Amino acid sequence: MKRNPTQNRPSAVPALGRVMMAILFVFSGIGKVVDPGHTIEEIRAAGLPFAHLGLVIAILLGFGGGAMLVLGIKTRMVAIVLALYCIVAGLIFHNPVGGIPQLVHLIKNFAIAGGLLQVAAFGAGSYAFDNLRANRRALHRA
């Protein structure tokens, strides 16, 4: 397989993509902190146990996962965790039987998961903490 020559040049596009996806998680985390009761009600309405624990997990994934995605820290692992979170949350909270709006939300969750899986497959890109560490290790070996 031929390598694309532009892959050797630094590009801000992957970083921009990471930031754009992370905004969703960070703002979702903010919403859950501002109105935790709403999230707890939704978790209970879905029939899930441990609603308060679910709230904490959702907030940590939103803020922690979002921040790590923006900064490019453990990017592939974070992208996989967030993709799984999107798929599971979509299947639990967006029942397509609830009508077109719920189906659209489910599809959006799947689309976000798809973008995150692209990040997992191809990495963080040039501008990421993951690459700073790798570059330092390469300098120490030389």
C-alpha atoms as a PDB file:
ATOM      1  CA  MET A   1       0.000   0.000   0.000  1.00  0.00           C
ATOM      2  CA  LYS A   2       1.366   3.428  -0.934  1.00  0.00           C
ATOM      3  CA  ARG A   3       1.726   6.006   1.803  1.00  0.00           C
ATOM      4  CA  ASN A   4       0.185   9.371   1.206  1.00  0.00           C
ATOM      5  CA  PRO A   5       3.098  11.873   1.196  1.00  0.00           C
ATOM      6  CA  THR A   6       1.037  14.385   3.176  1.00  0.00           C
ATOM      7  CA  GLN A   7       0.920  11.947   6.116  1.00  0.00           C
ATOM      8  CA  ASN A   8       4.495  12.922   6.977  1.00  0.00           C
ATOM      9  CA  ARG A   9       3.606  16.598   7.380  1.00  0.00           C
ATOM     10  CA  PRO A  10       2.102  17.959  10.582  1.00  0.00           C
ATOM     11  CA  SER A  11      -1.580  18.763  10.216  1.00  0.00           C
ATOM     12  CA  ALA A  12      -3.986  20.523  12.533  1.00  0.00           C
ATOM     13  CA  VAL A  13      -6.976  18.664  11.052  1.00  0.00           C
ATOM     14  CA  PRO A  14      -6.894  15.694  13.483  1.00  0.00           C
ATOM     15  CA  ALA A  15      -6.572  18.085  16.440  1.00  0.00           C
ATOM     16  CA  LEU A  16      -9.511  20.130  15.170  1.00  0.00           C
ATOM     17  CA  GLY A  17     -11.566  16.952  14.778  1.00  0.00           C
ATOM     18  CA  ARG A  18     -10.693  15.860  18.314  1.00  0.00           C
ATOM     19  CA  VAL A  19     -11.697  19.260  19.707  1.00  0.00           C
ATOM     20  CA  MET A  20     -14.976  19.252  17.803  1.00  0.00           C
ATOM     21  CA  MET A  21     -15.905  15.805  19.129  1.00  0.00           C
ATOM     22  CA  ALA A  22     -14.750  16.622  22.657  1.00  0.00           C
ATOM     23  CA  ILE A  23     -16.961  19.716  22.837  1.00  0.00           C
ATOM     24  CA  LEU A  24     -19.982  17.420  22.894  1.00  0.00           C
ATOM     25  CA  PHE A  25     -18.673  15.457  25.871  1.00  0.00           C
ATOM     26  CA  VAL A  26     -17.511  18.496  27.854  1.00  0.00           C
ATOM     27  CA  PHE A  27     -20.789  20.374  27.406  1.00  0.00           C
ATOM     28  CA  SER A  28     -22.727  17.233  28.235  1.00  0.00           C
ATOM     29  CA  GLY A  29     -20.660  16.933  31.432  1.00  0.00           C
ATOM     30  CA  ILE A  30     -21.426  20.566  32.284  1.00  0.00           C
ATOM     31  CA  GLY A  31     -25.137  19.943  31.792  1.00  0.00           C
ATOM     32  CA  LYS A  32     -25.022  16.963  34.114  1.00  0.00           C
ATOM     33  CA  VAL A  33     -23.235  18.982  36.812  1.00  0.00           C
ATOM     34  CA  VAL A  34     -25.636  21.919  36.486  1.00  0.00           C
ATOM     35  CA  ASP A  35     -28.772  19.740  36.549  1.00  0.00           C
ATOM     36  CA  PRO A  36     -27.892  16.349  38.047  1.00  0.00           C
ATOM     37  CA  GLY A  37     -31.514  15.643  38.940  1.00  0.00           C
ATOM     38  CA  HIS A  38     -32.518  15.516  35.278  1.00  0.00           C
ATOM     39  CA  THR A  39     -29.827  12.966  34.475  1.00  0.00           C
ATOM     40  CA  ILE A  40     -30.723  10.854  37.502  1.00  0.00           C
ATOM     41  CA  GLU A  41     -34.390  10.891  36.417  1.00  0.00           C
ATOM     42  CA  GLU A  42     -33.428   9.779  32.887  1.00  0.00           C
ATOM     43  CA  ILE A  43     -31.280   6.946  34.240  1.00  0.00           C
ATOM     44  CA  ARG A  44     -34.087   5.769  36.509  1.00  0.00           C
ATOM     45  CA  ALA A  45     -36.661   6.098  33.711  1.00  0.00           C
ATOM     46  CA  ALA A  46     -34.515   3.762  31.606  1.00  0.00           C
ATOM     47  CA  GLY A  47     -34.823   1.217  34.425  1.00  0.00           C
ATOM     48  CA  LEU A  48     -31.141   1.271  35.330  1.00  0.00           C
ATOM     49  CA  PRO A  49     -29.946   0.769  38.917  1.00  0.00           C
ATOM     50  CA  PHE A  50     -27.402   2.976  40.696  1.00  0.00           C
ATOM     51  CA  ALA A  51     -28.492   6.235  39.074  1.00  0.00           C
ATOM     52  CA  HIS A  52     -26.105   8.329  41.172  1.00  0.00           C
ATOM     53  CA  LEU A  53     -23.155   6.151  40.153  1.00  0.00           C
ATOM     54  CA  GLY A  54     -24.260   6.449  36.523  1.00  0.00           C
ATOM     55  CA  LEU A  55     -24.300  10.226  36.900  1.00  0.00           C
ATOM     56  CA  VAL A  56     -20.754  10.248  38.280  1.00  0.00           C
ATOM     57  CA  ILE A  57     -19.519   7.995  35.475  1.00  0.00           C
ATOM     58  CA  ALA A  58     -21.201  10.183  32.841  1.00  0.00           C
ATOM     59  CA  ILE A  59     -19.657  13.337  34.322  1.00  0.00           C
ATOM     60  CA  LEU A  60     -16.198  11.787  34.513  1.00  0.00           C
ATOM     61  CA  LEU A  61     -16.421  10.509  30.939  1.00  0.00           C
ATOM     62  CA  GLY A  62     -17.660  13.902  29.773  1.00  0.00           C
ATOM     63  CA  PHE A  63     -15.024  16.027  31.461  1.00  0.00           C
ATOM     64  CA  GLY A  64     -12.165  13.556  31.725  1.00  0.00           C
ATOM     65  CA  GLY A  65     -12.655  11.862  28.383  1.00  0.00           C
ATOM     66  CA  GLY A  66     -13.349  15.156  26.648  1.00  0.00           C
ATOM     67  CA  ALA A  67     -10.240  16.801  28.090  1.00  0.00           C
ATOM     68  CA  MET A  68      -8.028  13.825  27.266  1.00  0.00           C
ATOM     69  CA  LEU A  69      -9.387  13.779  23.716  1.00  0.00           C
ATOM     70  CA  VAL A  70      -8.683  17.502  23.241  1.00  0.00           C
ATOM     71  CA  LEU A  71      -5.144  17.213  24.587  1.00  0.00           C
ATOM     72  CA  GLY A  72      -4.396  13.943  22.828  1.00  0.00           C
ATOM     73  CA  ILE A  73      -3.597  11.996  25.994  1.00  0.00           C
ATOM     74  CA  LYS A  74      -4.013   8.198  25.665  1.00  0.00           C
ATOM     75  CA  THR A  75      -6.049   9.156  22.621  1.00  0.00           C
ATOM     76  CA  ARG A  76      -6.712   5.734  21.115  1.00  0.00           C
ATOM     77  CA  MET A  77      -7.860   4.232  24.415  1.00  0.00           C
ATOM     78  CA  VAL A  78     -10.025   7.264  25.260  1.00  0.00           C
ATOM     79  CA  ALA A  79     -11.575   7.221  21.796  1.00  0.00           C
ATOM     80  CA  ILE A  80     -12.538   3.561  22.185  1.00  0.00           C
ATOM     81  CA  VAL A  81     -14.026   4.128  25.653  1.00  0.00           C
ATOM     82  CA  LEU A  82     -16.014   7.141  24.462  1.00  0.00           C
ATOM     83  CA  ALA A  83     -17.178   5.269  21.343  1.00  0.00           C
ATOM     84  CA  LEU A  84     -18.466   2.414  23.502  1.00  0.00           C
ATOM     85  CA  TYR A  85     -20.122   4.953  25.803  1.00  0.00           C
ATOM     86  CA  CYS A  86     -21.893   6.551  22.814  1.00  0.00           C
ATOM     87  CA  ILE A  87     -23.126   3.214  21.515  1.00  0.00           C
ATOM     88  CA  VAL A  88     -24.343   1.954  24.896  1.00  0.00           C
ATOM     89  CA  ALA A  89     -25.954   5.290  25.850  1.00  0.00           C
ATOM     90  CA  GLY A  90     -27.617   5.498  22.449  1.00  0.00           C
ATOM     91  CA  LEU A  91     -29.069   2.015  22.714  1.00  0.00           C
ATOM     92  CA  ILE A  92     -30.288   2.598  26.277  1.00  0.00           C
ATOM     93  CA  PHE A  93     -31.646   6.141  26.050  1.00  0.00           C
ATOM     94  CA  HIS A  94     -32.705   6.583  22.412  1.00  0.00           C
ATOM     95  CA  ASN A  95     -35.269   3.933  21.534  1.00  0.00           C
ATOM     96  CA  PRO A  96     -36.155   4.304  17.843  1.00  0.00           C
ATOM     97  CA  VAL A  97     -39.681   3.122  18.661  1.00  0.00           C
ATOM     98  CA  GLY A  98     -40.042   6.544  20.332  1.00  0.00           C
ATOM     99  CA  GLY A  99     -40.287   8.179  16.909  1.00  0.00           C
ATOM    100  CA  ILE A 100     -38.069   9.933  14.404  1.00  0.00           C
ATOM    101  CA  PRO A 101     -36.381  12.285  16.927  1.00  0.00           C
ATOM    102  CA  GLN A 102     -35.192   9.328  19.024  1.00  0.00           C
ATOM    103  CA  LEU A 103     -34.019   7.489  15.916  1.00  0.00           C
ATOM    104  CA  VAL A 104     -32.049  10.584  14.846  1.00  0.00           C
ATOM    105  CA  HIS A 105     -30.429  10.802  18.299  1.00  0.00           C
ATOM    106  CA  LEU A 106     -29.494   7.108  18.106  1.00  0.00           C
ATOM    107  CA  ILE A 107     -27.967   7.571  14.653  1.00  0.00           C
ATOM    108  CA  LYS A 108     -26.052  10.645  15.879  1.00  0.00           C
ATOM    109  CA  ASN A 109     -24.622   8.598  18.739  1.00  0.00           C
ATOM    110  CA  PHE A 110     -23.511   5.952  16.241  1.00  0.00           C
ATOM    111  CA  ALA A 111     -21.992   8.628  13.981  1.00  0.00           C
ATOM    112  CA  ILE A 112     -20.025  10.106  16.888  1.00  0.00           C
ATOM    113  CA  ALA A 113     -18.847   6.608  17.802  1.00  0.00           C
ATOM    114  CA  GLY A 114     -17.746   6.145  14.185  1.00  0.00           C
ATOM    115  CA  GLY A 115     -15.675   9.318  14.309  1.00  0.00           C
ATOM    116  CA  LEU A 116     -14.128   8.216  17.582  1.00  0.00           C
ATOM    117  CA  LEU A 117     -13.274   4.821  16.089  1.00  0.00           C
ATOM    118  CA  GLN A 118     -11.472   6.677  13.278  1.00  0.00           C
ATOM    119  CA  VAL A 119      -9.432   8.463  15.946  1.00  0.00           C
ATOM    120  CA  ALA A 120      -8.743   5.100  17.595  1.00  0.00           C
ATOM    121  CA  ALA A 121      -7.649   3.605  14.281  1.00  0.00           C
ATOM    122  CA  PHE A 122      -5.485   6.448  13.000  1.00  0.00           C
ATOM    123  CA  GLY A 123      -4.306   8.112  16.204  1.00  0.00           C
ATOM    124  CA  ALA A 124      -4.312  11.606  17.576  1.00  0.00           C
ATOM    125  CA  GLY A 125      -2.431  13.295  14.772  1.00  0.00           C
ATOM    126  CA  SER A 126       0.558  15.601  14.981  1.00  0.00           C
ATOM    127  CA  TYR A 127      -0.586  17.917  17.742  1.00  0.00           C
ATOM    128  CA  ALA A 128      -1.123  15.698  20.763  1.00  0.00           C
ATOM    129  CA  PHE A 129       0.583  14.898  24.039  1.00  0.00           C
ATOM    130  CA  ASP A 130       0.809  11.281  22.875  1.00  0.00           C
ATOM    131  CA  ASN A 131       3.218  12.391  20.152  1.00  0.00           C
ATOM    132  CA  LEU A 132       5.261  14.616  22.461  1.00  0.00           C
ATOM    133  CA  ARG A 133       6.071  11.623  24.635  1.00  0.00           C
ATOM    134  CA  ALA A 134       6.877   9.469  21.602  1.00  0.00           C
ATOM    135  CA  ASN A 135       9.147  12.171  20.170  1.00  0.00           C
ATOM    136  CA  ARG A 136      10.990  12.524  23.495  1.00  0.00           C
ATOM    137  CA  ARG A 137      11.575   8.775  23.646  1.00  0.00           C
ATOM    138  CA  ALA A 138      12.920   8.808  20.091  1.00  0.00           C
ATOM    139  CA  LEU A 139      15.315  11.653  20.957  1.00  0.00           C
ATOM    140  CA  HIS A 140      16.625   9.788  24.003  1.00  0.00           C
ATOM    141  CA  ARG A 141      17.255   6.668  21.922  1.00  0.00           C
ATOM    142  CA  ALA A 142      19.212   8.542  19.265  1.00  0.00           C
END
